[in-house]
Amino acid sequence: MACVGGDETYGRFVDRPYAAILEDRLGQRCLNLGSLFCGVEALCSDKGLFSLLNQAQLCVLQAPGILSQSNHFYRVHPRRNDRVLAPSQDLIDLYPEVDFADVHFVGHLMQCLQAYQDARIEVVVEELRRSWVRQISDLLRRLEVPVLLLGLEVLTLNECEHLDERTPVVVTPEMLEAVRPLCADWVKTTAYVSGQSDELEDMLFGTLQQPMAEHMIGPAAHRSIADALIGPIRNLH
């Protein structure tokens, strides 16, 4: 079995990510192919990944985030999908008042666009949704192995009050439903980052890494994810 996805699948700052827990509980080898900063772009362009996945009996695919993908309005780094390489001319024309020179990350880019609180943001978000469904559908069609889709919602820290009023741009249930026919099954679950779940003391990190660790999920969250996956995996076997 193979587990593929982003930061949460990789299991940064935890001793046993959910893939390792599944391996113990199922008595079956489970390869962790999670990758930091991995989004739609990295998943769809990695030929070596497809070769590994197609040799597995089952693939657990963590649905990647909606922001970390190249699209009509901006390009991301091919491996570190959290980094913006450049806005397109269409985005520059749509937001002529924005100086994109100092925007280097997809989260920062979205915050800049949302700050204007007008209908233009919906144009960008709709493009992201369409692009995500198109690329994930293509990925699933290329896989010859049964896929269990993990829709993991990570509830993050509210870093400042004015961000609380902005609607996060996330994968919606409608997007998951759109790709559901291409999967053997799917699981939807929620986890809190360690900064909100009191798991920080159970994580492994250096002194200077605490701010990053607070934004990652902890050991109990990984156990909860494994609990949610174990039944569907057994059903597929």
C-alpha atoms as a PDB file:
ATOM      1  CA  MET A   1       0.000   0.000   0.000  1.00  0.00           C
ATOM      2  CA  ALA A   2       1.175   3.554  -0.690  1.00  0.00           C
ATOM      3  CA  CYS A   3       0.173   6.808   0.990  1.00  0.00           C
ATOM      4  CA  VAL A   4       0.786   9.942  -1.037  1.00  0.00           C
ATOM      5  CA  GLY A   5       0.098  13.576  -0.221  1.00  0.00           C
ATOM      6  CA  GLY A   6       1.535  16.720   1.315  1.00  0.00           C
ATOM      7  CA  ASP A   7       2.827  17.895   4.694  1.00  0.00           C
ATOM      8  CA  GLU A   8       0.313  15.899   6.753  1.00  0.00           C
ATOM      9  CA  THR A   9       1.019  12.600   4.975  1.00  0.00           C
ATOM     10  CA  TYR A  10       4.760  13.212   5.282  1.00  0.00           C
ATOM     11  CA  GLY A  11       4.287  13.682   9.019  1.00  0.00           C
ATOM     12  CA  ARG A  12       6.699  16.479   9.792  1.00  0.00           C
ATOM     13  CA  PHE A  13       7.723  16.665  13.480  1.00  0.00           C
ATOM     14  CA  VAL A  14       5.985  13.392  14.426  1.00  0.00           C
ATOM     15  CA  ASP A  15       7.587  10.026  15.117  1.00  0.00           C
ATOM     16  CA  ARG A  16       4.884   7.897  13.475  1.00  0.00           C
ATOM     17  CA  PRO A  17       2.779   9.406  10.679  1.00  0.00           C
ATOM     18  CA  TYR A  18      -0.538   7.781   9.838  1.00  0.00           C
ATOM     19  CA  ALA A  19       1.088   5.609   7.134  1.00  0.00           C
ATOM     20  CA  ALA A  20       3.280   3.934   9.773  1.00  0.00           C
ATOM     21  CA  ILE A  21       0.275   3.446  12.045  1.00  0.00           C
ATOM     22  CA  LEU A  22      -1.648   1.811   9.211  1.00  0.00           C
ATOM     23  CA  GLU A  23       1.279  -0.499   8.506  1.00  0.00           C
ATOM     24  CA  ASP A  24       1.304  -1.716  12.110  1.00  0.00           C
ATOM     25  CA  ARG A  25      -2.446  -2.160  12.370  1.00  0.00           C
ATOM     26  CA  LEU A  26      -2.913  -3.855   8.998  1.00  0.00           C
ATOM     27  CA  GLY A  27       0.241  -5.982   9.065  1.00  0.00           C
ATOM     28  CA  GLN A  28       0.907  -4.818   5.527  1.00  0.00           C
ATOM     29  CA  ARG A  29       3.789  -2.792   4.186  1.00  0.00           C
ATOM     30  CA  CYS A  30       2.739   0.827   3.713  1.00  0.00           C
ATOM     31  CA  LEU A  31       5.076   3.152   1.828  1.00  0.00           C
ATOM     32  CA  ASN A  32       4.923   6.808   2.884  1.00  0.00           C
ATOM     33  CA  LEU A  33       5.287   8.958  -0.238  1.00  0.00           C
ATOM     34  CA  GLY A  34       4.217  12.185   1.440  1.00  0.00           C
ATOM     35  CA  SER A  35       6.216  15.264   0.503  1.00  0.00           C
ATOM     36  CA  LEU A  36       6.600  18.710   2.039  1.00  0.00           C
ATOM     37  CA  PHE A  37       5.050  21.582   0.069  1.00  0.00           C
ATOM     38  CA  CYS A  38       3.463  19.087  -2.336  1.00  0.00           C
ATOM     39  CA  GLY A  39       0.361  20.174  -4.253  1.00  0.00           C
ATOM     40  CA  VAL A  40      -1.445  19.317  -7.462  1.00  0.00           C
ATOM     41  CA  GLU A  41       1.545  20.406  -9.547  1.00  0.00           C
ATOM     42  CA  ALA A  42       4.091  18.102  -7.925  1.00  0.00           C
ATOM     43  CA  LEU A  43       1.744  15.111  -7.883  1.00  0.00           C
ATOM     44  CA  CYS A  44       0.753  15.344 -11.541  1.00  0.00           C
ATOM     45  CA  SER A  45       4.239  15.892 -12.946  1.00  0.00           C
ATOM     46  CA  ASP A  46       6.203  13.189 -11.081  1.00  0.00           C
ATOM     47  CA  LYS A  47       6.608  10.206 -13.429  1.00  0.00           C
ATOM     48  CA  GLY A  48       8.580   8.259 -10.842  1.00  0.00           C
ATOM     49  CA  LEU A  49       5.707   8.620  -8.389  1.00  0.00           C
ATOM     50  CA  PHE A  50       3.243   7.138 -10.874  1.00  0.00           C
ATOM     51  CA  SER A  51       5.576   4.193 -11.444  1.00  0.00           C
ATOM     52  CA  LEU A  52       5.710   3.460  -7.712  1.00  0.00           C
ATOM     53  CA  LEU A  53       1.982   3.918  -7.153  1.00  0.00           C
ATOM     54  CA  ASN A  54       1.037   1.623 -10.012  1.00  0.00           C
ATOM     55  CA  GLN A  55       3.002  -1.185  -8.360  1.00  0.00           C
ATOM     56  CA  ALA A  56       0.971  -0.907  -5.141  1.00  0.00           C
ATOM     57  CA  GLN A  57      -2.148  -2.872  -4.255  1.00  0.00           C
ATOM     58  CA  LEU A  58      -3.865   0.252  -2.963  1.00  0.00           C
ATOM     59  CA  CYS A  59      -3.130   3.985  -2.926  1.00  0.00           C
ATOM     60  CA  VAL A  60      -4.305   6.383  -0.214  1.00  0.00           C
ATOM     61  CA  LEU A  61      -4.256   9.827  -1.809  1.00  0.00           C
ATOM     62  CA  GLN A  62      -4.501  12.900   0.400  1.00  0.00           C
ATOM     63  CA  ALA A  63      -6.428  15.440  -1.654  1.00  0.00           C
ATOM     64  CA  PRO A  64      -3.976  18.316  -2.248  1.00  0.00           C
ATOM     65  CA  GLY A  65      -4.825  21.920  -1.428  1.00  0.00           C
ATOM     66  CA  ILE A  66      -6.476  24.159  -3.972  1.00  0.00           C
ATOM     67  CA  LEU A  67      -3.917  26.998  -3.890  1.00  0.00           C
ATOM     68  CA  SER A  68      -0.778  24.993  -4.678  1.00  0.00           C
ATOM     69  CA  GLN A  69      -1.236  24.580  -8.422  1.00  0.00           C
ATOM     70  CA  SER A  70      -0.335  26.441 -11.593  1.00  0.00           C
ATOM     71  CA  ASN A  71      -3.420  27.851 -13.272  1.00  0.00           C
ATOM     72  CA  HIS A  72      -4.702  30.593 -15.539  1.00  0.00           C
ATOM     73  CA  PHE A  73      -3.666  33.319 -13.077  1.00  0.00           C
ATOM     74  CA  TYR A  74      -0.292  32.265 -11.654  1.00  0.00           C
ATOM     75  CA  ARG A  75       2.493  29.672 -11.849  1.00  0.00           C
ATOM     76  CA  VAL A  76       3.910  27.790  -8.881  1.00  0.00           C
ATOM     77  CA  HIS A  77       7.293  26.161  -8.369  1.00  0.00           C
ATOM     78  CA  PRO A  78       7.143  22.632  -9.884  1.00  0.00           C
ATOM     79  CA  ARG A  79       8.321  20.969  -6.653  1.00  0.00           C
ATOM     80  CA  ARG A  80       7.656  23.472  -3.859  1.00  0.00           C
ATOM     81  CA  ASN A  81       4.077  24.190  -4.795  1.00  0.00           C
ATOM     82  CA  ASP A  82       3.624  26.740  -1.996  1.00  0.00           C
ATOM     83  CA  ARG A  83       5.848  29.205  -3.904  1.00  0.00           C
ATOM     84  CA  VAL A  84       4.521  31.582  -6.560  1.00  0.00           C
ATOM     85  CA  LEU A  85       6.874  31.931  -9.521  1.00  0.00           C
ATOM     86  CA  ALA A  86       4.944  34.597 -11.389  1.00  0.00           C
ATOM     87  CA  PRO A  87       1.457  36.031 -11.859  1.00  0.00           C
ATOM     88  CA  SER A  88      -0.011  35.842 -15.342  1.00  0.00           C
ATOM     89  CA  GLN A  89      -0.850  38.946 -17.339  1.00  0.00           C
ATOM     90  CA  ASP A  90      -4.518  38.128 -16.762  1.00  0.00           C
ATOM     91  CA  LEU A  91      -4.070  38.390 -12.989  1.00  0.00           C
ATOM     92  CA  ILE A  92      -2.125  41.626 -13.374  1.00  0.00           C
ATOM     93  CA  ASP A  93      -4.906  43.026 -15.528  1.00  0.00           C
ATOM     94  CA  LEU A  94      -7.558  41.841 -13.056  1.00  0.00           C
ATOM     95  CA  TYR A  95      -5.737  43.450 -10.093  1.00  0.00           C
ATOM     96  CA  PRO A  96      -3.798  46.413 -11.555  1.00  0.00           C
ATOM     97  CA  GLU A  97      -3.471  48.007  -8.116  1.00  0.00           C
ATOM     98  CA  VAL A  98      -1.551  45.050  -6.636  1.00  0.00           C
ATOM     99  CA  ASP A  99       2.258  45.030  -6.646  1.00  0.00           C
ATOM    100  CA  PHE A 100       3.112  41.339  -7.053  1.00  0.00           C
ATOM    101  CA  ALA A 101       6.881  41.881  -6.787  1.00  0.00           C
ATOM    102  CA  ASP A 102       6.964  40.964  -3.083  1.00  0.00           C
ATOM    103  CA  VAL A 103       4.465  38.090  -3.276  1.00  0.00           C
ATOM    104  CA  HIS A 104       6.304  34.771  -3.111  1.00  0.00           C
ATOM    105  CA  PHE A 105       3.851  32.302  -1.542  1.00  0.00           C
ATOM    106  CA  VAL A 106       0.362  31.174  -2.558  1.00  0.00           C
ATOM    107  CA  GLY A 107      -1.112  31.939   0.875  1.00  0.00           C
ATOM    108  CA  HIS A 108       0.234  35.490   0.805  1.00  0.00           C
ATOM    109  CA  LEU A 109      -1.056  35.948  -2.738  1.00  0.00           C
ATOM    110  CA  MET A 110      -4.562  34.922  -1.736  1.00  0.00           C
ATOM    111  CA  GLN A 111      -4.507  37.222   1.295  1.00  0.00           C
ATOM    112  CA  CYS A 112      -3.549  40.141  -0.958  1.00  0.00           C
ATOM    113  CA  LEU A 113      -6.421  39.416  -3.357  1.00  0.00           C
ATOM    114  CA  GLN A 114      -8.987  38.810  -0.611  1.00  0.00           C
ATOM    115  CA  ALA A 115      -8.126  42.139   1.016  1.00  0.00           C
ATOM    116  CA  TYR A 116     -10.078  43.985  -1.709  1.00  0.00           C
ATOM    117  CA  GLN A 117     -13.338  42.240  -0.752  1.00  0.00           C
ATOM    118  CA  ASP A 118     -14.963  42.452  -4.170  1.00  0.00           C
ATOM    119  CA  ALA A 119     -16.240  40.032  -6.803  1.00  0.00           C
ATOM    120  CA  ARG A 120     -12.894  39.653  -8.541  1.00  0.00           C
ATOM    121  CA  ILE A 121     -11.744  37.054  -6.041  1.00  0.00           C
ATOM    122  CA  GLU A 122     -14.542  34.734  -7.153  1.00  0.00           C
ATOM    123  CA  VAL A 123     -13.133  34.749 -10.688  1.00  0.00           C
ATOM    124  CA  VAL A 124      -9.787  33.553  -9.357  1.00  0.00           C
ATOM    125  CA  VAL A 125     -11.278  30.977  -6.968  1.00  0.00           C
ATOM    126  CA  GLU A 126     -13.541  29.517  -9.662  1.00  0.00           C
ATOM    127  CA  GLU A 127     -10.504  29.065 -11.914  1.00  0.00           C
ATOM    128  CA  LEU A 128      -8.673  27.297  -9.083  1.00  0.00           C
ATOM    129  CA  ARG A 129     -11.613  24.968  -8.503  1.00  0.00           C
ATOM    130  CA  ARG A 130     -11.936  24.045 -12.176  1.00  0.00           C
ATOM    131  CA  SER A 131      -8.194  23.528 -12.532  1.00  0.00           C
ATOM    132  CA  TRP A 132      -8.052  21.327  -9.421  1.00  0.00           C
ATOM    133  CA  VAL A 133     -10.864  19.052 -10.586  1.00  0.00           C
ATOM    134  CA  ARG A 134      -9.349  18.797 -14.062  1.00  0.00           C
ATOM    135  CA  GLN A 135      -5.839  17.943 -12.853  1.00  0.00           C
ATOM    136  CA  ILE A 136      -6.895  15.531 -10.104  1.00  0.00           C
ATOM    137  CA  SER A 137      -9.240  13.760 -12.526  1.00  0.00           C
ATOM    138  CA  ASP A 138      -6.335  13.355 -14.947  1.00  0.00           C
ATOM    139  CA  LEU A 139      -4.121  12.018 -12.154  1.00  0.00           C
ATOM    140  CA  LEU A 140      -6.716   9.451 -11.090  1.00  0.00           C
ATOM    141  CA  ARG A 141      -7.248   8.272 -14.675  1.00  0.00           C
ATOM    142  CA  ARG A 142      -3.505   7.663 -15.027  1.00  0.00           C
ATOM    143  CA  LEU A 143      -3.372   5.457 -11.946  1.00  0.00           C
ATOM    144  CA  GLU A 144      -3.945   1.730 -12.480  1.00  0.00           C
ATOM    145  CA  VAL A 145      -4.279   1.024  -8.759  1.00  0.00           C
ATOM    146  CA  PRO A 146      -7.455   1.448  -6.647  1.00  0.00           C
ATOM    147  CA  VAL A 147      -7.391   4.845  -4.939  1.00  0.00           C
ATOM    148  CA  LEU A 148      -8.825   5.739  -1.546  1.00  0.00           C
ATOM    149  CA  LEU A 149      -9.171   9.524  -1.547  1.00  0.00           C
ATOM    150  CA  LEU A 150      -8.505  11.229   1.792  1.00  0.00           C
ATOM    151  CA  GLY A 151     -10.250  14.575   2.119  1.00  0.00           C
ATOM    152  CA  LEU A 152      -8.379  15.960   5.128  1.00  0.00           C
ATOM    153  CA  GLU A 153      -9.428  19.359   6.436  1.00  0.00           C
ATOM    154  CA  VAL A 154      -6.730  20.873   8.632  1.00  0.00           C
ATOM    155  CA  LEU A 155      -7.986  23.646  10.886  1.00  0.00           C
ATOM    156  CA  THR A 156      -5.127  26.108  11.223  1.00  0.00           C
ATOM    157  CA  LEU A 157      -4.150  28.879  13.584  1.00  0.00           C
ATOM    158  CA  ASN A 158      -5.918  32.229  13.316  1.00  0.00           C
ATOM    159  CA  GLU A 159      -2.792  34.361  13.181  1.00  0.00           C
ATOM    160  CA  CYS A 160      -4.529  37.716  13.340  1.00  0.00           C
ATOM    161  CA  GLU A 161      -8.082  38.912  13.819  1.00  0.00           C
ATOM    162  CA  HIS A 162      -8.641  40.502  10.433  1.00  0.00           C
ATOM    163  CA  LEU A 163      -7.969  37.171   8.721  1.00  0.00           C
ATOM    164  CA  ASP A 164     -10.824  35.528  10.622  1.00  0.00           C
ATOM    165  CA  GLU A 165     -13.360  37.266   8.408  1.00  0.00           C
ATOM    166  CA  ARG A 166     -11.879  35.938   5.173  1.00  0.00           C
ATOM    167  CA  THR A 167     -13.274  32.733   3.771  1.00  0.00           C
ATOM    168  CA  PRO A 168     -10.444  30.195   3.399  1.00  0.00           C
ATOM    169  CA  VAL A 169      -9.983  28.917  -0.138  1.00  0.00           C
ATOM    170  CA  VAL A 170     -10.174  25.159   0.325  1.00  0.00           C
ATOM    171  CA  VAL A 171     -11.231  22.014  -1.496  1.00  0.00           C
ATOM    172  CA  THR A 172     -15.030  21.876  -1.313  1.00  0.00           C
ATOM    173  CA  PRO A 173     -17.307  18.819  -0.943  1.00  0.00           C
ATOM    174  CA  GLU A 174     -18.518  19.524  -4.504  1.00  0.00           C
ATOM    175  CA  MET A 175     -14.947  19.235  -5.806  1.00  0.00           C
ATOM    176  CA  LEU A 176     -14.458  15.926  -4.002  1.00  0.00           C
ATOM    177  CA  GLU A 177     -17.764  14.664  -5.366  1.00  0.00           C
ATOM    178  CA  ALA A 178     -16.647  15.590  -8.886  1.00  0.00           C
ATOM    179  CA  VAL A 179     -13.649  13.240  -8.700  1.00  0.00           C
ATOM    180  CA  ARG A 180     -15.342  10.601  -6.525  1.00  0.00           C
ATOM    181  CA  PRO A 181     -16.388   8.364  -9.483  1.00  0.00           C
ATOM    182  CA  LEU A 182     -12.699   7.880 -10.329  1.00  0.00           C
ATOM    183  CA  CYS A 183     -11.874   6.544  -6.828  1.00  0.00           C
ATOM    184  CA  ALA A 184     -12.523   3.201  -5.196  1.00  0.00           C
ATOM    185  CA  ASP A 185     -13.723   5.032  -2.066  1.00  0.00           C
ATOM    186  CA  TRP A 186     -13.161   8.239  -0.123  1.00  0.00           C
ATOM    187  CA  VAL A 187     -12.843   9.360   3.477  1.00  0.00           C
ATOM    188  CA  LYS A 188     -13.398  12.847   4.826  1.00  0.00           C
ATOM    189  CA  THR A 189     -11.986  13.817   8.206  1.00  0.00           C
ATOM    190  CA  THR A 190     -10.770  16.845  10.174  1.00  0.00           C
ATOM    191  CA  ALA A 191      -7.663  17.536  12.223  1.00  0.00           C
ATOM    192  CA  TYR A 192      -6.388  20.506  14.217  1.00  0.00           C
ATOM    193  CA  VAL A 193      -2.852  21.844  14.042  1.00  0.00           C
ATOM    194  CA  SER A 194      -0.814  21.221  17.185  1.00  0.00           C
ATOM    195  CA  GLY A 195      -0.965  24.883  18.186  1.00  0.00           C
ATOM    196  CA  GLN A 196      -4.709  24.459  18.761  1.00  0.00           C
ATOM    197  CA  SER A 197      -4.827  20.854  19.927  1.00  0.00           C
ATOM    198  CA  ASP A 198      -2.303  20.872  22.824  1.00  0.00           C
ATOM    199  CA  GLU A 199      -0.165  18.266  21.032  1.00  0.00           C
ATOM    200  CA  LEU A 200       2.919  20.428  20.715  1.00  0.00           C
ATOM    201  CA  GLU A 201       4.698  18.775  23.647  1.00  0.00           C
ATOM    202  CA  ASP A 202       4.348  15.376  21.925  1.00  0.00           C
ATOM    203  CA  MET A 203       6.139  16.504  18.746  1.00  0.00           C
ATOM    204  CA  LEU A 204       9.817  16.362  17.780  1.00  0.00           C
ATOM    205  CA  PHE A 205      11.418  19.659  16.773  1.00  0.00           C
ATOM    206  CA  GLY A 206      14.317  21.962  17.490  1.00  0.00           C
ATOM    207  CA  THR A 207      14.018  25.157  19.513  1.00  0.00           C
ATOM    208  CA  LEU A 208      13.817  27.406  16.452  1.00  0.00           C
ATOM    209  CA  GLN A 209      11.281  25.121  14.747  1.00  0.00           C
ATOM    210  CA  GLN A 210       8.429  25.632  17.229  1.00  0.00           C
ATOM    211  CA  PRO A 211       6.568  28.237  15.089  1.00  0.00           C
ATOM    212  CA  MET A 212       6.513  25.739  12.213  1.00  0.00           C
ATOM    213  CA  ALA A 213       5.537  22.838  14.459  1.00  0.00           C
ATOM    214  CA  GLU A 214       2.536  24.792  15.744  1.00  0.00           C
ATOM    215  CA  HIS A 215       1.125  24.738  12.206  1.00  0.00           C
ATOM    216  CA  MET A 216       1.519  20.955  11.774  1.00  0.00           C
ATOM    217  CA  ILE A 217      -0.716  18.171  13.046  1.00  0.00           C
ATOM    218  CA  GLY A 218       0.445  16.070  15.994  1.00  0.00           C
ATOM    219  CA  PRO A 219       0.559  12.358  16.880  1.00  0.00           C
ATOM    220  CA  ALA A 220      -3.053  12.156  18.086  1.00  0.00           C
ATOM    221  CA  ALA A 221      -4.252  13.662  14.803  1.00  0.00           C
ATOM    222  CA  HIS A 222      -2.304  11.019  12.868  1.00  0.00           C
ATOM    223  CA  ARG A 223      -3.889   8.286  14.979  1.00  0.00           C
ATOM    224  CA  SER A 224      -7.316   9.783  14.282  1.00  0.00           C
ATOM    225  CA  ILE A 225      -6.631   9.806  10.526  1.00  0.00           C
ATOM    226  CA  ALA A 226      -5.534   6.160  10.666  1.00  0.00           C
ATOM    227  CA  ASP A 227      -8.729   5.311  12.589  1.00  0.00           C
ATOM    228  CA  ALA A 228     -10.806   6.926   9.838  1.00  0.00           C
ATOM    229  CA  LEU A 229      -8.952   5.049   7.075  1.00  0.00           C
ATOM    230  CA  ILE A 230      -8.679   1.571   8.568  1.00  0.00           C
ATOM    231  CA  GLY A 231     -12.298   0.490   7.939  1.00  0.00           C
ATOM    232  CA  PRO A 232     -12.492   1.610   4.292  1.00  0.00           C
ATOM    233  CA  ILE A 233      -9.086   0.044   3.577  1.00  0.00           C
ATOM    234  CA  ARG A 234     -10.210  -3.302   4.992  1.00  0.00           C
ATOM    235  CA  ASN A 235     -13.411  -3.100   2.969  1.00  0.00           C
ATOM    236  CA  LEU A 236     -11.424  -2.567  -0.229  1.00  0.00           C
ATOM    237  CA  HIS A 237      -9.216  -5.560   0.542  1.00  0.00           C
END
